């Protein structure tokens, strides 16, 4: 076995990816890390909602909750990896709207829905590639780039349809996104299967492959990652392409679920996606986070909003509650880290 196979840097060969953490470390992170805390919060929200809100814990509520957060769950998968690399993509909501408009315009001109959906996916890939090119080749910050493409994609979508809404999509296509997996009256929509497949792909990619470990290394220190042999630009480029492609997939879903293609579809969705990722324990500074926690974070937000809606709370208050949750999840880890550093310094001083 060569030195490269073992991941050892001999001085003449360069390691191309960081080593995987030990199994005990992974298990400790799983049981005691932020993911476990997010799942605990989800359990608390669910128990309180079930006890305090009538009809919260019913199959119909779960069914509509999953349909509502499905676009967030989808886009959160690649967005998690993008944020772990210390980048961000704020154009995802506009890409959902643009993809929806592409499907609607083509369908309105007689193109079959399946073909229109494929064209929308290509649009998503191209949009993601544009973001990736501007970030990794031109060297612009992803925040500025994706704010620009947020306006660009939304402007194209509104320009194509104006205030017109295209409806009347085939019932068979609409049933694909709304049918229940186990028959009438059950809780799981069939589209959950699509999410499960994509989630497995992204979990394996992020947590069990050298590419995933390279993603964490880039987020912790992209310069050090570059000198360790990681192609930083290529990793970021393809992650932004994946974000665009998955956003267009969410746009197709959005169109068929609501039977409506409009230029203002999914307005503001990017904030919900970023909130789910951060609530799920991913550091906005990059280098830390895990996909199971992100899935739980999306469910926390969905369950909280669903419970408040059933309790006849206004949408403004729901948005305030969601915003507070996001602020708390961003601030609390920083405060705890600062307290931990203070405690460690005092311990070191006492020992001396």
Protein backbone atom coordinates (compact mmCIF):
# COMPACT_ATOMS: atom_id res chain seq x y z
CA UNK A 1 0.00 0.00 0.00
CA UNK A 2 1.44 3.37 -0.97
CA UNK A 3 1.77 6.38 1.23
CA UNK A 4 -0.91 8.14 -0.78
CA UNK A 5 -3.33 5.30 -0.14
CA UNK A 6 -2.87 5.67 3.57
CA UNK A 7 -3.27 9.45 3.42
CA UNK A 8 0.26 10.03 4.83
CA UNK A 9 2.25 12.99 3.57
CA UNK A 10 5.77 11.78 2.93
CA UNK A 11 7.08 15.14 1.83
CA UNK A 12 7.12 14.16 -1.84
CA UNK A 13 3.43 13.33 -2.06
CA UNK A 14 0.65 15.70 -1.05
CA UNK A 15 -2.45 14.59 0.81
CA UNK A 16 -5.50 15.51 -1.29
CA UNK A 17 -8.10 15.31 1.52
CA UNK A 18 -8.19 15.49 5.31
CA UNK A 19 -8.32 12.25 7.27
CA UNK A 20 -11.71 11.04 8.54
CA UNK A 21 -12.33 11.49 12.27
CA UNK A 22 -12.25 8.41 14.47
CA UNK A 23 -15.47 6.43 14.96
CA UNK A 24 -15.59 7.32 18.66
CA UNK A 25 -15.36 11.00 17.79
CA UNK A 26 -18.22 10.66 15.32
CA UNK A 27 -20.35 8.82 17.89
CA UNK A 28 -19.67 11.47 20.55
CA UNK A 29 -20.59 14.24 18.12
CA UNK A 30 -23.79 12.37 17.21
CA UNK A 31 -24.96 11.88 20.79
CA UNK A 32 -23.70 15.07 22.44
CA UNK A 33 -23.39 17.52 19.59
CA UNK A 34 -25.70 20.20 18.28
CA UNK A 35 -27.60 17.70 16.14
CA UNK A 36 -28.85 15.98 19.27
CA UNK A 37 -29.86 19.36 20.71
CA UNK A 38 -31.82 20.23 17.57
CA UNK A 39 -33.65 16.90 17.66
CA UNK A 40 -34.44 17.56 21.34
CA UNK A 41 -35.88 20.97 20.42
CA UNK A 42 -37.96 19.30 17.70
CA UNK A 43 -39.32 16.81 20.24
CA UNK A 44 -40.19 19.63 22.65
CA UNK A 45 -41.94 21.68 19.94
CA UNK A 46 -43.88 18.63 18.83
CA UNK A 47 -44.93 17.62 22.35
CA UNK A 48 -45.98 21.17 23.28
CA UNK A 49 -47.85 21.58 19.99
CA UNK A 50 -49.63 18.25 20.45
CA UNK A 51 -50.69 19.17 23.99
CA UNK A 52 -51.64 22.80 23.40
CA UNK A 53 -52.95 22.99 19.83
CA UNK A 54 -56.02 21.13 18.68
CA UNK A 55 -55.56 18.89 15.62
CA UNK A 56 -51.79 19.46 15.56
CA UNK A 57 -50.73 15.83 15.87
CA UNK A 58 -52.90 14.40 13.10
CA UNK A 59 -51.98 12.71 9.81
CA UNK A 60 -53.43 15.61 7.80
CA UNK A 61 -51.36 18.18 9.69
CA UNK A 62 -48.18 16.16 9.19
CA UNK A 63 -49.04 15.68 5.50
CA UNK A 64 -49.45 19.41 4.82
CA UNK A 65 -46.47 20.27 7.02
CA UNK A 66 -44.24 18.04 4.93
CA UNK A 67 -45.64 19.44 1.67
CA UNK A 68 -45.05 22.99 2.93
CA UNK A 69 -41.44 22.47 3.95
CA UNK A 70 -40.53 20.15 1.06
CA UNK A 71 -38.83 22.92 -1.01
CA UNK A 72 -36.90 24.03 2.09
CA UNK A 73 -35.77 20.48 2.83
CA UNK A 74 -34.63 19.99 -0.76
CA UNK A 75 -32.64 23.21 -1.10
CA UNK A 76 -31.19 22.92 2.41
CA UNK A 77 -29.22 19.84 1.32
CA UNK A 78 -26.78 21.60 -1.05
CA UNK A 79 -27.08 24.88 0.85
CA UNK A 80 -25.65 23.16 3.93
CA UNK A 81 -22.51 22.22 2.03
CA UNK A 82 -22.25 25.70 0.51
CA UNK A 83 -22.42 27.36 3.94
CA UNK A 84 -19.93 24.87 5.39
CA UNK A 85 -17.45 26.16 2.78
CA UNK A 86 -18.07 29.69 4.17
CA UNK A 87 -20.08 30.70 1.12
CA UNK A 88 -23.81 31.34 0.70
CA UNK A 89 -26.37 31.32 -2.11
CA UNK A 90 -29.19 33.84 -1.67
CA UNK A 91 -30.53 33.38 -5.21
CA UNK A 92 -32.29 30.07 -4.51
CA UNK A 93 -35.77 31.56 -3.99
CA UNK A 94 -35.52 33.50 -7.25
CA UNK A 95 -34.32 30.38 -9.05
CA UNK A 96 -37.40 28.55 -7.76
CA UNK A 97 -39.56 31.33 -9.20
CA UNK A 98 -37.67 31.40 -12.51
CA UNK A 99 -37.90 27.62 -12.92
CA UNK A 100 -41.62 27.79 -12.18
CA UNK A 101 -42.05 30.45 -14.87
CA UNK A 102 -40.04 28.42 -17.39
CA UNK A 103 -42.29 25.41 -16.83
CA UNK A 104 -45.40 27.60 -17.11
CA UNK A 105 -44.34 29.46 -20.25
CA UNK A 106 -43.31 26.28 -22.09
CA UNK A 107 -46.47 24.44 -21.01
CA UNK A 108 -48.56 27.39 -22.19
CA UNK A 109 -46.94 27.02 -25.64
CA UNK A 110 -47.84 23.35 -25.88
CA UNK A 111 -44.64 21.76 -24.58
CA UNK A 112 -45.28 18.62 -22.48
CA UNK A 113 -44.79 19.16 -18.74
CA UNK A 114 -41.98 16.58 -18.57
CA UNK A 115 -39.96 18.34 -21.27
CA UNK A 116 -40.64 21.74 -19.70
CA UNK A 117 -39.39 20.39 -16.37
CA UNK A 118 -36.15 19.19 -18.00
CA UNK A 119 -35.61 22.62 -19.53
CA UNK A 120 -36.19 24.19 -16.10
CA UNK A 121 -33.56 21.89 -14.60
CA UNK A 122 -31.08 23.03 -17.28
CA UNK A 123 -31.90 26.63 -16.39
CA UNK A 124 -31.13 25.82 -12.76
CA UNK A 125 -27.78 24.28 -13.68
CA UNK A 126 -26.88 27.30 -15.83
CA UNK A 127 -27.90 29.70 -13.07
CA UNK A 128 -25.83 27.79 -10.53
CA UNK A 129 -22.88 27.71 -12.93
CA UNK A 130 -23.15 31.49 -13.35
CA UNK A 131 -22.92 31.91 -9.57
CA UNK A 132 -20.05 29.43 -9.42
CA UNK A 133 -18.14 31.17 -12.23
CA UNK A 134 -18.46 34.61 -10.66
CA UNK A 135 -17.41 33.30 -7.22
CA UNK A 136 -14.61 30.89 -8.11
CA UNK A 137 -13.19 32.28 -11.37
CA UNK A 138 -13.85 36.01 -11.13
CA UNK A 139 -13.25 35.91 -7.37
CA UNK A 140 -16.28 37.89 -6.22
CA UNK A 141 -17.82 37.26 -2.77
CA UNK A 142 -20.75 34.86 -2.92
CA UNK A 143 -22.92 37.19 -0.82
CA UNK A 144 -22.66 39.99 -3.38
CA UNK A 145 -22.90 37.65 -6.37
CA UNK A 146 -26.02 35.86 -5.21
CA UNK A 147 -27.76 39.07 -4.13
CA UNK A 148 -27.21 40.21 -7.70
CA UNK A 149 -28.48 36.98 -9.24
CA UNK A 150 -31.39 37.01 -6.78
CA UNK A 151 -32.52 40.23 -8.48
CA UNK A 152 -31.53 38.97 -11.95
CA UNK A 153 -33.44 35.67 -11.78
CA UNK A 154 -36.49 37.30 -10.22
CA UNK A 155 -36.45 40.07 -12.80
CA UNK A 156 -36.35 37.57 -15.67
CA UNK A 157 -39.19 35.57 -14.11
CA UNK A 158 -41.40 38.61 -13.65
CA UNK A 159 -40.41 39.93 -17.09
CA UNK A 160 -41.51 36.69 -18.78
CA UNK A 161 -44.94 36.47 -17.17
CA UNK A 162 -45.64 39.88 -15.69
CA UNK A 163 -48.63 39.56 -13.40
CA UNK A 164 -50.03 36.61 -15.32
CA UNK A 165 -50.43 33.21 -13.66
CA UNK A 166 -50.40 30.06 -15.78
CA UNK A 167 -52.58 27.31 -14.36
CA UNK A 168 -54.31 24.15 -15.56
CA UNK A 169 -51.41 21.72 -15.43
CA UNK A 170 -52.29 18.03 -16.07
CA UNK A 171 -53.87 16.28 -13.11
CA UNK A 172 -51.46 13.36 -13.44
CA UNK A 173 -48.48 15.68 -12.97
CA UNK A 174 -50.10 17.36 -9.99
CA UNK A 175 -50.87 13.98 -8.43
CA UNK A 176 -47.17 13.11 -8.58
CA UNK A 177 -46.42 15.78 -5.98
CA UNK A 178 -49.56 15.52 -3.86
CA UNK A 179 -50.45 11.81 -3.67
CA UNK A 180 -50.05 10.19 -0.28
CA UNK A 181 -47.43 7.48 -0.07
CA UNK A 182 -49.48 4.89 1.82
CA UNK A 183 -52.98 5.73 0.63
CA UNK A 184 -55.77 8.16 1.60
CA UNK A 185 -55.69 9.50 5.15
CA UNK A 186 -52.01 8.74 5.77
CA UNK A 187 -49.41 11.30 6.74
CA UNK A 188 -46.56 10.87 4.25
CA UNK A 189 -46.73 12.48 0.79
CA UNK A 190 -45.10 10.48 -2.00
CA UNK A 191 -42.56 13.22 -2.75
CA UNK A 192 -40.88 12.32 0.54
CA UNK A 193 -39.25 9.46 -1.35
CA UNK A 194 -37.48 11.96 -3.62
CA UNK A 195 -36.19 13.83 -0.59
CA UNK A 196 -35.00 10.61 1.06
CA UNK A 197 -33.02 9.64 -2.05
CA UNK A 198 -31.38 13.07 -2.32
CA UNK A 199 -30.75 13.21 1.43
CA UNK A 200 -28.93 9.86 1.34
CA UNK A 201 -26.80 11.09 -1.56
CA UNK A 202 -25.84 14.34 0.20
CA UNK A 203 -25.29 12.67 3.60
CA UNK A 204 -22.93 10.12 2.05
CA UNK A 205 -21.19 12.84 0.04
CA UNK A 206 -20.70 15.19 3.01
CA UNK A 207 -20.03 12.76 5.84
CA UNK A 208 -18.46 9.68 4.27
CA UNK A 209 -16.32 10.80 1.34
CA UNK A 210 -13.06 12.71 0.85
CA UNK A 211 -15.06 15.38 -0.99
CA UNK A 212 -17.11 15.96 2.15
CA UNK A 213 -14.03 16.22 4.33
CA UNK A 214 -12.57 18.64 1.81
CA UNK A 215 -15.74 20.72 2.18
CA UNK A 216 -15.16 21.03 5.94
CA UNK A 217 -11.46 21.79 5.41
CA UNK A 218 -12.30 24.62 3.01
CA UNK A 219 -14.71 26.12 5.52
CA UNK A 220 -12.16 26.01 8.34
CA UNK A 221 -9.33 27.51 6.29
CA UNK A 222 -9.56 27.63 2.50
CA UNK A 223 -5.94 28.72 2.11
CA UNK A 224 -4.68 25.79 4.15
CA UNK A 225 -7.04 23.51 2.21
CA UNK A 226 -5.57 24.80 -1.06
CA UNK A 227 -2.01 24.11 0.07
CA UNK A 228 -3.02 20.61 1.20
CA UNK A 229 -3.97 19.80 -2.39
CA UNK A 230 -7.71 20.49 -2.38
CA UNK A 231 -9.10 22.22 -5.48
CA UNK A 232 -11.06 24.83 -3.54
CA UNK A 233 -12.52 26.54 -6.58
CA UNK A 234 -13.79 23.33 -8.15
CA UNK A 235 -15.52 22.20 -4.93
CA UNK A 236 -17.26 25.56 -4.49
CA UNK A 237 -18.23 25.74 -8.17
CA UNK A 238 -19.98 22.38 -8.23
CA UNK A 239 -21.71 23.03 -4.91
CA UNK A 240 -23.22 26.23 -6.32
CA UNK A 241 -24.25 24.33 -9.47
CA UNK A 242 -25.94 21.73 -7.24
CA UNK A 243 -27.76 24.49 -5.37
CA UNK A 244 -29.08 25.92 -8.63
CA UNK A 245 -30.17 22.51 -9.93
CA UNK A 246 -31.96 21.52 -6.72
CA UNK A 247 -33.63 24.95 -6.56
CA UNK A 248 -35.03 24.42 -10.05
CA UNK A 249 -36.31 21.01 -8.93
CA UNK A 250 -38.08 22.76 -6.06
CA UNK A 251 -39.52 25.22 -8.61
CA UNK A 252 -41.04 22.36 -10.60
CA UNK A 253 -42.55 20.97 -7.42
CA UNK A 254 -43.88 24.39 -6.44
CA UNK A 255 -45.59 24.83 -9.84
CA UNK A 256 -47.33 21.48 -9.79
CA UNK A 257 -48.29 21.55 -6.12
CA UNK A 258 -50.00 24.94 -6.32
CA UNK A 259 -51.03 24.54 -9.99
CA UNK A 260 -49.64 27.98 -10.65
CA UNK A 261 -46.63 29.43 -12.45
CA UNK A 262 -46.04 33.03 -11.42
CA UNK A 263 -43.05 35.33 -11.42
CA UNK A 264 -43.39 35.94 -7.68
CA UNK A 265 -43.52 32.28 -6.64
CA UNK A 266 -41.31 31.42 -3.66
CA UNK A 267 -40.60 35.06 -2.84
CA UNK A 268 -38.38 35.13 0.26
CA UNK A 269 -37.85 31.36 0.32
CA UNK A 270 -34.07 31.85 0.57
CA UNK A 271 -34.48 33.21 4.10
CA UNK A 272 -36.39 30.13 5.22
CA UNK A 273 -33.72 27.86 3.73
CA UNK A 274 -30.86 29.71 5.41
CA UNK A 275 -32.82 29.74 8.67
CA UNK A 276 -33.31 25.96 8.51
CA UNK A 277 -29.60 25.41 7.88
CA UNK A 278 -28.51 27.66 10.76
CA UNK A 279 -31.14 26.36 13.18
CA UNK A 280 -29.87 22.91 12.25
CA UNK A 281 -26.48 23.71 13.74
CA UNK A 282 -24.41 24.76 10.73
CA UNK A 283 -21.98 27.57 11.51
CA UNK A 284 -22.50 30.69 9.39
CA UNK A 285 -18.69 31.06 9.56
CA UNK A 286 -18.21 27.69 7.85
CA UNK A 287 -16.42 24.49 8.74
CA UNK A 288 -19.04 23.06 11.07
CA UNK A 289 -22.45 21.43 10.80
CA UNK A 290 -24.15 18.21 9.74
CA UNK A 291 -27.09 17.31 7.53
CA UNK A 292 -29.16 15.36 10.11
CA UNK A 293 -29.33 18.48 12.25
CA UNK A 294 -30.36 20.57 9.23
CA UNK A 295 -33.25 18.21 8.47
CA UNK A 296 -34.33 18.48 12.11
CA UNK A 297 -33.95 22.26 11.93
CA UNK A 298 -36.28 22.45 8.92
CA UNK A 299 -38.80 20.28 10.76
CA UNK A 300 -38.54 22.52 13.84
CA UNK A 301 -39.39 25.60 11.78
CA UNK A 302 -42.17 23.76 9.94
CA UNK A 303 -43.70 22.36 13.13
CA UNK A 304 -43.51 25.73 14.90
CA UNK A 305 -45.17 27.57 12.02
CA UNK A 306 -47.81 24.86 11.63
CA UNK A 307 -48.70 24.92 15.34
CA UNK A 308 -48.95 28.72 15.36
CA UNK A 309 -51.15 28.74 12.25
CA UNK A 310 -53.50 26.18 13.81
CA UNK A 311 -53.63 28.38 16.91
CA UNK A 312 -54.85 31.27 14.70
CA UNK A 313 -51.68 33.27 15.22
CA UNK A 314 -51.16 35.93 12.55
CA UNK A 315 -48.49 35.49 9.89
CA UNK A 316 -46.63 38.54 11.20
CA UNK A 317 -46.24 36.95 14.64
CA UNK A 318 -45.19 33.68 13.00
CA UNK A 319 -42.46 35.50 11.09
CA UNK A 320 -41.33 37.20 14.30
CA UNK A 321 -41.15 33.84 16.09
CA UNK A 322 -39.16 32.30 13.24
CA UNK A 323 -36.79 35.27 13.19
CA UNK A 324 -36.23 35.08 16.94
CA UNK A 325 -35.48 31.38 16.66
CA UNK A 326 -32.89 32.12 13.98
CA UNK A 327 -31.25 34.91 15.98
CA UNK A 328 -31.09 32.72 19.09
CA UNK A 329 -29.50 29.83 17.21
CA UNK A 330 -26.83 32.13 15.79
CA UNK A 331 -26.06 34.01 19.02
CA UNK A 332 -26.21 31.21 21.60
CA UNK A 333 -23.31 29.12 20.17
CA UNK A 334 -21.08 32.21 20.04
CA UNK A 335 -21.96 33.09 23.64
CA UNK A 336 -21.32 29.52 24.80
CA UNK A 337 -17.99 29.45 22.96
CA UNK A 338 -16.94 32.72 24.61
CA UNK A 339 -17.93 31.39 28.04
CA UNK A 340 -15.98 28.19 27.36
CA UNK A 341 -12.86 30.17 26.45
CA UNK A 342 -13.19 32.26 29.61
CA UNK A 343 -13.58 29.12 31.72
CA UNK A 344 -10.55 27.51 30.06
CA UNK A 345 -8.39 30.60 30.67
CA UNK A 346 -9.42 30.71 34.31
CA UNK A 347 -8.71 27.00 34.70
CA UNK A 348 -5.27 27.46 33.14
CA UNK A 349 -4.55 30.42 35.42
CA UNK A 350 -5.62 28.46 38.52
CA UNK A 351 -3.45 25.50 37.52
CA UNK A 352 -0.44 27.80 37.08
